[in-house]
Amino acid sequence: MVLGAGFLAVVHGLWVTAPHLADLVITHEVTVLAFLVAIVAGELVRLRMPSGRDAAPLSSASVLALAFLAGISGQPTFAVPPGFIVLVVAMGIALATVVRGVRARGLGLAQSAARLLGVTAAAWAARELGPQGHTIWDRAVDPTASLAAVALAMVAVAAFGVVVETVLSSAVRSERQRSPWSIALRDELGEVAPLTFAVVATGPLIALMAPAFGLASLPAALFPLAITYLAVARYARNRATYRQTIATLSRLTEDGGYTPVGHAERVAATSVRLGRLLGLSDGELRDVEYAALLHDLGQISLSEPIPGGATVLAAPSDQQDIAAEGARIIRQAEVLASVADFVEAQTTRYRQVLELGEQVPLASRIIKVANAFDDLTGGRRDAAGIAVAMERIHLGLGYEYDPSVVEALAVATSDTRVGRLGDRELAR
């Protein structure tokens, strides 16, 4: 739907500007070329966040600046209709998409379409919407207008455009991941919040600087945003390194012959998938993933491995001992205290929640089901193996396992993407 809306925006831009398109391009060729370069460069240096979502702050700021632009020093006044701005942005995104495709870095068409629709909304609001026909653009070229009022109006409209892009992006993620839209929107706003605020301020800043500083306004205004970009990129790399460290620790049981190869990763992928379906936020999903990766760590204390490493087939007391030992090891790292709690509670039967009112974290109930599913399937994801595992799990429904988590597992297993670390692929 987002791709279709983006296509319609481009078609409408062509329709309304076709009679004057060539003249507009010739008149503003320097301005168009400069912003095309900025947009393409910004799209090519997208930032991949730990959750898998992409952010293109340099491109977003450039397209917003184009929506507000009144003119560049030494160049004709940028008196163009919103449709022309849409076409320029679409051209920049298309060029970047071609390059990304050639470099096999993923096209990200839905995200690009959301960005295009966001700038469409901002350009329309800036150049068509205003009291008594006085738009923001009209105020920007009026020497008697209050510059402070113009700047505040630009920031408000830029925020509107970013909100449109964010809402559409979160809708795409929600549909692909089959997760609640409200959760996807909250995560979309939260993870890249520093960049979002910076983009909202930088777009208008470029437009306000351009009449005095000329094309130098682009690098000058984008430089502080680039610094923020680098800081967030370092955060993302640190998160990725942290996750790799935990994944390496989780493979101790595999290397020691206690669990099958890939078991921890499969349980983690399934746990994240279930958590997303149950509406957990990105922060909660991160802790669920870490706990799932480390859920069998306590097995290294066993003198004899459990056959096949399947703790679901072990005696309840043995399961509790393994979980307690794993939690004890994890608590050596204070920052993983909540993860240790999830690991320790993963063996608790759901009946203790119902009958005794015991507080068992949802994360622990998710890991319990995900672990049982992988133990019972032996890592296979064929229809027969899934059917047998689900039947066994349903025998413990309401007693051993949380019915809401099992229901989410039924939804996840109906999707052929589960079991291939599909949740991480979907996030992209």
Protein backbone atom coordinates (compact mmCIF):
# COMPACT_ATOMS: atom_id res chain seq x y z
CA MET A 1 0.00 0.00 0.00
CA VAL A 2 2.83 2.41 0.88
CA LEU A 3 4.61 1.60 -2.37
CA GLY A 4 1.38 2.21 -4.28
CA ALA A 5 0.84 5.55 -2.57
CA GLY A 6 4.41 6.57 -3.36
CA PHE A 7 3.91 5.66 -7.00
CA LEU A 8 0.71 7.73 -7.13
CA ALA A 9 2.55 10.70 -5.61
CA VAL A 10 5.13 10.52 -8.41
CA VAL A 11 2.45 10.16 -11.09
CA HIS A 12 0.58 13.16 -9.69
CA GLY A 13 3.82 15.16 -9.65
CA LEU A 14 4.41 14.35 -13.31
CA TRP A 15 0.82 15.20 -14.20
CA VAL A 16 0.79 18.66 -12.62
CA THR A 17 4.31 19.69 -13.66
CA ALA A 18 4.56 18.09 -17.12
CA PRO A 19 3.86 21.31 -19.08
CA HIS A 20 6.63 23.21 -17.26
CA LEU A 21 8.95 20.39 -16.20
CA ALA A 22 11.75 21.09 -18.67
CA ASP A 23 11.71 24.84 -17.92
CA LEU A 24 11.81 24.17 -14.17
CA VAL A 25 14.76 21.81 -14.49
CA ILE A 26 16.72 24.25 -16.70
CA THR A 27 15.97 27.24 -14.47
CA HIS A 28 16.96 25.45 -11.26
CA GLU A 29 19.52 22.98 -12.60
CA VAL A 30 22.23 23.93 -10.08
CA THR A 31 19.84 23.70 -7.14
CA VAL A 32 18.35 20.42 -8.37
CA LEU A 33 21.77 18.88 -8.94
CA ALA A 34 23.05 19.91 -5.52
CA PHE A 35 20.08 18.41 -3.71
CA LEU A 36 20.13 15.28 -5.86
CA VAL A 37 23.72 14.68 -4.78
CA ALA A 38 22.79 15.27 -1.11
CA ILE A 39 19.76 12.94 -1.30
CA VAL A 40 21.63 10.14 -3.08
CA ALA A 41 24.58 10.38 -0.69
CA GLY A 42 22.22 10.36 2.31
CA GLU A 43 20.39 7.30 1.01
CA LEU A 44 23.64 5.43 0.41
CA VAL A 45 24.84 5.92 3.99
CA ARG A 46 21.72 4.66 5.70
CA LEU A 47 22.14 3.66 9.31
CA ARG A 48 21.18 0.12 10.24
CA MET A 49 19.85 0.04 13.79
CA PRO A 50 20.21 -3.05 16.05
CA SER A 51 16.53 -3.92 15.52
CA GLY A 52 17.14 -4.02 11.77
CA ARG A 53 15.33 -0.82 10.84
CA ASP A 54 17.06 1.63 8.52
CA ALA A 55 17.43 5.37 9.09
CA ALA A 56 18.60 7.89 6.50
CA PRO A 57 18.86 11.16 8.46
CA LEU A 58 21.06 13.02 5.95
CA SER A 59 18.64 12.23 3.13
CA SER A 60 15.58 13.08 5.23
CA ALA A 61 17.01 16.46 6.23
CA SER A 62 17.90 17.25 2.61
CA VAL A 63 14.45 16.44 1.27
CA LEU A 64 12.78 18.51 3.99
CA ALA A 65 15.07 21.45 3.18
CA LEU A 66 14.03 21.17 -0.46
CA ALA A 67 10.39 21.39 0.58
CA PHE A 68 10.98 24.72 2.34
CA LEU A 69 13.61 26.18 0.04
CA ALA A 70 12.90 29.74 -1.12
CA GLY A 71 16.16 30.29 -2.94
CA ILE A 72 19.91 29.88 -2.99
CA SER A 73 22.28 32.82 -3.13
CA GLY A 74 23.12 33.56 -6.75
CA GLN A 75 20.31 31.34 -8.06
CA PRO A 76 16.72 32.12 -9.17
CA THR A 77 13.99 32.09 -6.53
CA PHE A 78 12.91 28.48 -6.01
CA ALA A 79 9.25 29.13 -6.85
CA VAL A 80 8.25 25.58 -7.76
CA PRO A 81 5.08 23.56 -7.10
CA PRO A 82 5.10 20.67 -4.59
CA GLY A 83 4.86 18.20 -7.46
CA PHE A 84 8.27 19.25 -8.77
CA ILE A 85 9.82 18.72 -5.33
CA VAL A 86 8.31 15.24 -5.23
CA LEU A 87 9.85 14.44 -8.61
CA VAL A 88 13.31 15.64 -7.55
CA VAL A 89 13.15 13.58 -4.36
CA ALA A 90 11.85 10.55 -6.27
CA MET A 91 14.73 10.87 -8.73
CA GLY A 92 17.28 11.01 -5.91
CA ILE A 93 15.77 7.99 -4.15
CA ALA A 94 15.56 6.08 -7.44
CA LEU A 95 19.23 6.72 -8.22
CA ALA A 96 20.25 5.61 -4.74
CA THR A 97 18.04 2.53 -5.03
CA VAL A 98 19.75 1.52 -8.27
CA VAL A 99 23.17 1.88 -6.66
CA ARG A 100 22.10 -0.06 -3.57
CA GLY A 101 20.70 -2.80 -5.79
CA VAL A 102 23.94 -3.06 -7.74
CA ARG A 103 25.90 -3.21 -4.49
CA ALA A 104 23.49 -5.88 -3.17
CA ARG A 105 22.73 -3.92 -0.01
CA GLY A 106 18.96 -4.26 -0.17
CA LEU A 107 16.56 -1.89 -1.86
CA GLY A 108 14.40 -0.79 1.07
CA LEU A 109 11.63 0.30 -1.29
CA ALA A 110 8.90 0.56 1.33
CA GLN A 111 11.06 2.79 3.56
CA SER A 112 11.96 4.96 0.57
CA ALA A 113 8.29 5.27 -0.40
CA ALA A 114 7.45 6.32 3.17
CA ARG A 115 10.16 9.00 3.00
CA LEU A 116 8.79 10.23 -0.34
CA LEU A 117 5.26 10.49 1.07
CA GLY A 118 6.58 12.32 4.13
CA VAL A 119 8.24 15.01 2.01
CA THR A 120 5.13 15.15 -0.20
CA ALA A 121 3.07 16.02 2.86
CA ALA A 122 5.64 18.58 4.04
CA ALA A 123 5.98 20.21 0.59
CA TRP A 124 2.22 20.48 0.21
CA ALA A 125 1.83 21.98 3.69
CA ALA A 126 4.70 24.44 3.15
CA ARG A 127 3.71 25.63 -0.32
CA GLU A 128 -0.06 25.21 -0.47
CA LEU A 129 -1.40 25.47 3.06
CA GLY A 130 -1.66 28.76 4.95
CA PRO A 131 -4.11 31.33 6.32
CA GLN A 132 -5.63 33.54 3.62
CA GLY A 133 -3.36 32.03 1.00
CA HIS A 134 -0.15 33.08 2.77
CA THR A 135 1.92 29.90 2.86
CA ILE A 136 5.17 29.29 4.72
CA TRP A 137 7.00 29.71 1.42
CA ASP A 138 5.32 33.10 0.88
CA ARG A 139 6.45 34.19 4.34
CA ALA A 140 9.98 32.96 3.66
CA VAL A 141 10.37 35.26 0.63
CA ASP A 142 8.64 38.20 2.35
CA PRO A 143 11.31 40.51 3.84
CA THR A 144 8.75 42.00 6.25
CA ALA A 145 7.77 38.65 7.76
CA SER A 146 9.06 37.57 11.17
CA LEU A 147 11.97 35.18 10.63
CA ALA A 148 11.33 33.57 14.01
CA ALA A 149 7.72 32.84 13.06
CA VAL A 150 8.80 31.42 9.71
CA ALA A 151 11.39 29.20 11.40
CA LEU A 152 8.87 27.87 13.94
CA ALA A 153 6.36 27.18 11.18
CA MET A 154 9.00 25.31 9.19
CA VAL A 155 9.91 23.17 12.20
CA ALA A 156 6.23 22.36 12.77
CA VAL A 157 5.73 21.33 9.15
CA ALA A 158 8.99 19.35 9.16
CA ALA A 159 7.75 17.48 12.22
CA PHE A 160 4.50 16.81 10.37
CA GLY A 161 6.41 15.33 7.42
CA VAL A 162 8.56 13.16 9.70
CA VAL A 163 5.47 11.93 11.54
CA VAL A 164 3.87 10.93 8.23
CA GLU A 165 7.02 9.01 7.26
CA THR A 166 7.26 7.37 10.68
CA VAL A 167 3.60 6.30 10.76
CA LEU A 168 3.90 4.73 7.31
CA SER A 169 7.20 3.02 8.14
CA SER A 170 5.79 1.56 11.34
CA ALA A 171 2.71 0.33 9.45
CA VAL A 172 4.97 -1.51 7.01
CA ARG A 173 6.95 -3.11 9.85
CA SER A 174 3.79 -4.03 11.71
CA GLU A 175 2.35 -5.76 8.65
CA ARG A 176 5.55 -7.64 7.85
CA GLN A 177 6.13 -8.76 11.42
CA ARG A 178 2.46 -9.29 12.24
CA SER A 179 2.91 -7.25 15.40
CA PRO A 180 0.69 -4.54 16.94
CA TRP A 181 0.95 -1.27 15.04
CA SER A 182 1.08 0.79 18.23
CA ILE A 183 4.17 -1.14 19.39
CA ALA A 184 5.86 -0.74 15.99
CA LEU A 185 5.15 3.00 16.07
CA ARG A 186 6.50 3.38 19.60
CA ASP A 187 9.67 1.54 18.68
CA GLU A 188 10.05 3.51 15.45
CA LEU A 189 9.88 6.77 17.39
CA GLY A 190 12.03 5.59 20.27
CA GLU A 191 15.06 3.94 18.74
CA VAL A 192 16.02 6.76 16.38
CA ALA A 193 14.62 9.63 18.45
CA PRO A 194 17.90 11.63 18.54
CA LEU A 195 18.17 11.50 14.77
CA THR A 196 14.49 12.33 14.33
CA PHE A 197 14.76 15.52 16.38
CA ALA A 198 17.94 16.50 14.57
CA VAL A 199 16.32 15.98 11.15
CA VAL A 200 13.33 18.12 12.09
CA ALA A 201 15.66 21.01 12.98
CA THR A 202 18.20 20.55 10.17
CA GLY A 203 15.78 20.65 7.23
CA PRO A 204 14.46 24.15 8.00
CA LEU A 205 17.97 25.29 8.95
CA ILE A 206 19.29 24.51 5.46
CA ALA A 207 16.38 26.38 3.85
CA LEU A 208 16.90 29.43 6.07
CA MET A 209 20.66 29.53 5.50
CA ALA A 210 20.55 29.02 1.72
CA PRO A 211 19.59 32.59 0.67
CA ALA A 212 22.66 33.94 2.46
CA PHE A 213 25.20 31.10 2.33
CA GLY A 214 24.31 29.54 -1.02
CA LEU A 215 25.17 25.89 -1.65
CA ALA A 216 27.55 25.99 1.33
CA SER A 217 24.44 25.80 3.53
CA LEU A 218 24.05 22.10 2.69
CA PRO A 219 27.36 20.84 4.13
CA ALA A 220 27.35 23.47 6.88
CA ALA A 221 23.93 22.51 8.23
CA LEU A 222 24.36 18.77 7.63
CA PHE A 223 27.66 18.61 9.51
CA PRO A 224 26.12 18.65 13.05
CA LEU A 225 23.59 16.04 11.90
CA ALA A 226 26.45 13.92 10.55
CA ILE A 227 28.11 14.06 13.99
CA THR A 228 24.86 12.83 15.58
CA TYR A 229 24.69 10.14 12.90
CA LEU A 230 28.19 8.94 13.80
CA ALA A 231 27.32 8.84 17.50
CA VAL A 232 24.20 6.76 16.86
CA ALA A 233 26.15 4.54 14.46
CA ARG A 234 28.70 3.86 17.21
CA TYR A 235 25.86 3.00 19.59
CA ALA A 236 24.45 0.59 16.99
CA ARG A 237 27.86 -1.05 16.52
CA ASN A 238 28.30 -1.41 20.27
CA ARG A 239 24.90 -3.06 20.54
CA ALA A 240 25.79 -5.44 17.71
CA THR A 241 29.11 -6.29 19.38
CA TYR A 242 27.35 -6.85 22.70
CA ARG A 243 24.91 -9.22 21.04
CA GLN A 244 27.74 -11.11 19.33
CA THR A 245 29.51 -11.49 22.68
CA ILE A 246 26.41 -13.00 24.28
CA ALA A 247 25.90 -15.28 21.25
CA THR A 248 29.50 -16.47 21.60
CA LEU A 249 28.93 -17.22 25.29
CA SER A 250 25.77 -19.15 24.40
CA ARG A 251 27.79 -21.46 22.16
CA LEU A 252 29.73 -22.83 25.15
CA THR A 253 27.06 -25.49 25.59
CA GLU A 254 27.22 -26.38 21.90
CA ASP A 255 31.00 -26.63 21.85
CA GLY A 256 30.89 -28.78 25.01
CA GLY A 257 28.38 -31.16 23.44
CA TYR A 258 25.56 -30.27 25.84
CA THR A 259 23.14 -28.84 23.28
CA PRO A 260 22.65 -29.26 19.51
CA VAL A 261 24.36 -26.80 17.18
CA GLY A 262 22.19 -23.74 16.56
CA HIS A 263 19.75 -24.52 19.38
CA ALA A 264 20.30 -21.26 21.27
CA GLU A 265 19.99 -19.13 18.13
CA ARG A 266 16.80 -20.90 17.08
CA VAL A 267 15.24 -20.47 20.52
CA ALA A 268 16.25 -16.81 20.51
CA ALA A 269 14.77 -16.21 17.05
CA THR A 270 11.51 -17.94 17.99
CA SER A 271 11.36 -16.09 21.34
CA VAL A 272 11.78 -12.71 19.63
CA ARG A 273 9.12 -13.65 17.12
CA LEU A 274 6.69 -14.62 19.89
CA GLY A 275 7.53 -11.53 21.90
CA ARG A 276 6.82 -9.33 18.91
CA LEU A 277 3.47 -11.01 18.33
CA LEU A 278 2.65 -10.49 22.02
CA GLY A 279 3.42 -6.77 21.79
CA LEU A 280 6.77 -6.46 23.56
CA SER A 281 8.79 -3.33 22.86
CA ASP A 282 12.24 -3.39 21.26
CA GLY A 283 13.90 -2.96 24.65
CA GLU A 284 11.95 -5.89 26.11
CA LEU A 285 12.67 -7.98 23.01
CA ARG A 286 16.37 -7.33 23.43
CA ASP A 287 16.34 -8.79 26.95
CA VAL A 288 14.20 -11.72 25.76
CA GLU A 289 16.72 -12.45 23.01
CA TYR A 290 19.67 -12.33 25.41
CA ALA A 291 17.91 -14.57 27.93
CA ALA A 292 16.93 -17.04 25.20
CA LEU A 293 20.51 -17.19 23.94
CA LEU A 294 21.75 -17.98 27.46
CA HIS A 295 18.84 -20.12 28.69
CA ASP A 296 20.87 -23.38 28.63
CA LEU A 297 24.10 -21.94 30.02
CA GLY A 298 23.61 -23.84 33.29
CA GLN A 299 24.08 -27.13 31.47
CA ILE A 300 27.85 -26.68 31.56
CA SER A 301 27.69 -27.65 35.24
CA LEU A 302 26.32 -31.12 34.42
CA SER A 303 28.63 -34.09 34.79
CA GLU A 304 26.74 -35.92 32.03
CA PRO A 305 24.95 -34.16 29.15
CA ILE A 306 21.20 -34.59 28.79
CA PRO A 307 20.47 -36.81 25.76
CA GLY A 308 20.10 -34.48 22.79
CA GLY A 309 20.39 -31.50 25.15
CA ALA A 310 16.58 -31.48 25.42
CA THR A 311 15.84 -29.98 28.83
CA VAL A 312 12.11 -30.31 28.13
CA LEU A 313 12.56 -34.07 28.67
CA ALA A 314 14.56 -33.69 31.90
CA ALA A 315 13.10 -34.03 35.38
CA PRO A 316 11.58 -30.79 36.76
CA SER A 317 14.19 -30.64 39.55
CA ASP A 318 17.00 -30.98 37.01
CA GLN A 319 15.47 -28.24 34.88
CA GLN A 320 15.35 -25.93 37.90
CA ASP A 321 18.95 -26.69 38.84
CA ILE A 322 20.13 -25.92 35.30
CA ALA A 323 18.19 -22.66 35.21
CA ALA A 324 19.44 -21.61 38.65
CA GLU A 325 23.06 -22.33 37.73
CA GLY A 326 22.71 -20.44 34.47
CA ALA A 327 21.21 -17.46 36.30
CA ARG A 328 24.05 -17.54 38.85
CA ILE A 329 26.63 -17.34 36.08
CA ILE A 330 24.80 -14.57 34.24
CA ARG A 331 24.48 -12.46 37.39
CA GLN A 332 28.24 -12.09 37.42
CA ALA A 333 27.56 -9.35 34.89
CA GLU A 334 25.44 -6.81 36.77
CA VAL A 335 24.01 -5.29 33.58
CA LEU A 336 22.36 -8.66 32.82
CA ALA A 337 20.45 -8.91 36.11
CA SER A 338 17.02 -8.89 34.42
CA VAL A 339 18.24 -11.46 31.88
CA ALA A 340 19.32 -13.73 34.76
CA ASP A 341 15.87 -13.39 36.32
CA PHE A 342 14.24 -14.45 33.05
CA VAL A 343 16.56 -17.46 32.75
CA GLU A 344 15.92 -18.54 36.35
CA ALA A 345 12.13 -18.36 36.00
CA GLN A 346 11.94 -20.13 32.64
CA THR A 347 11.21 -23.54 34.19
CA THR A 348 8.27 -22.34 36.30
CA ARG A 349 5.04 -24.07 35.35
CA TYR A 350 2.17 -21.86 34.28
CA ARG A 351 -0.12 -23.50 36.85
CA GLN A 352 1.89 -21.71 39.54
CA VAL A 353 0.83 -18.43 37.96
CA LEU A 354 -2.82 -19.45 37.85
CA GLU A 355 -3.18 -21.30 41.15
CA LEU A 356 -0.56 -19.71 43.37
CA GLY A 357 -0.44 -16.23 41.87
CA GLU A 358 3.31 -16.50 41.34
CA GLN A 359 4.82 -13.64 39.36
CA VAL A 360 6.55 -15.17 36.35
CA PRO A 361 7.83 -12.72 33.72
CA LEU A 362 6.27 -13.00 30.29
CA ALA A 363 9.79 -13.29 28.90
CA SER A 364 10.34 -16.48 30.91
CA ARG A 365 7.05 -17.95 29.73
CA ILE A 366 8.00 -17.16 26.15
CA ILE A 367 11.42 -18.83 26.47
CA LYS A 368 9.85 -21.90 28.08
CA VAL A 369 7.56 -22.41 25.08
CA ALA A 370 10.24 -21.58 22.49
CA ASN A 371 12.72 -23.97 24.11
CA ALA A 372 10.15 -26.77 24.28
CA PHE A 373 9.27 -26.22 20.63
CA ASP A 374 12.90 -26.48 19.49
CA ASP A 375 13.62 -29.46 21.75
CA LEU A 376 10.60 -31.32 20.42
CA THR A 377 11.28 -30.54 16.78
CA GLY A 378 15.00 -31.17 17.08
CA GLY A 379 15.58 -28.00 15.10
CA ARG A 380 13.50 -29.22 12.15
CA ARG A 381 10.87 -26.96 10.66
CA ASP A 382 9.01 -29.38 8.40
CA ALA A 383 5.24 -29.67 8.70
CA ALA A 384 5.33 -33.09 10.34
CA GLY A 385 7.87 -32.08 12.97
CA ILE A 386 5.96 -28.90 13.78
CA ALA A 387 2.66 -30.78 14.10
CA VAL A 388 4.13 -33.31 16.55
CA ALA A 389 5.76 -30.58 18.64
CA MET A 390 2.59 -28.51 18.77
CA GLU A 391 0.57 -31.55 19.84
CA ARG A 392 2.98 -32.25 22.68
CA ILE A 393 2.94 -28.61 23.78
CA HIS A 394 -0.85 -28.49 23.72
CA LEU A 395 -0.93 -31.42 26.15
CA GLY A 396 0.62 -29.07 28.71
CA LEU A 397 -1.53 -26.07 27.82
CA GLY A 398 -2.56 -24.11 30.91
CA TYR A 399 -0.55 -26.40 33.19
CA GLU A 400 2.99 -26.23 31.85
CA TYR A 401 2.69 -23.49 29.25
CA ASP A 402 1.01 -20.07 29.01
CA PRO A 403 -1.94 -20.38 26.57
CA SER A 404 -1.34 -16.89 25.14
CA VAL A 405 2.27 -17.77 24.28
CA VAL A 406 1.24 -21.09 22.74
CA GLU A 407 -1.36 -19.27 20.66
CA ALA A 408 1.36 -16.90 19.43
CA LEU A 409 3.51 -19.93 18.59
CA ALA A 410 0.66 -21.36 16.53
CA VAL A 411 0.54 -18.10 14.57
CA ALA A 412 4.32 -18.05 14.15
CA THR A 413 4.54 -21.64 12.97
CA SER A 414 1.90 -20.97 10.34
CA ASP A 415 4.40 -18.57 8.80
CA THR A 416 7.12 -20.39 6.87
CA ARG A 417 9.58 -17.68 7.83
CA VAL A 418 9.90 -18.90 11.42
CA GLY A 419 12.87 -21.11 12.13
CA ARG A 420 15.16 -19.41 9.62
CA LEU A 421 15.94 -16.47 11.90
CA GLY A 422 13.17 -14.86 9.89
CA ASP A 423 12.44 -12.23 12.49
CA ARG A 424 15.85 -10.65 11.96
CA GLU A 425 15.32 -10.83 8.19
CA LEU A 426 11.89 -9.27 8.48
CA ALA A 427 13.25 -6.37 10.47
CA ARG A 428 15.30 -5.40 7.47
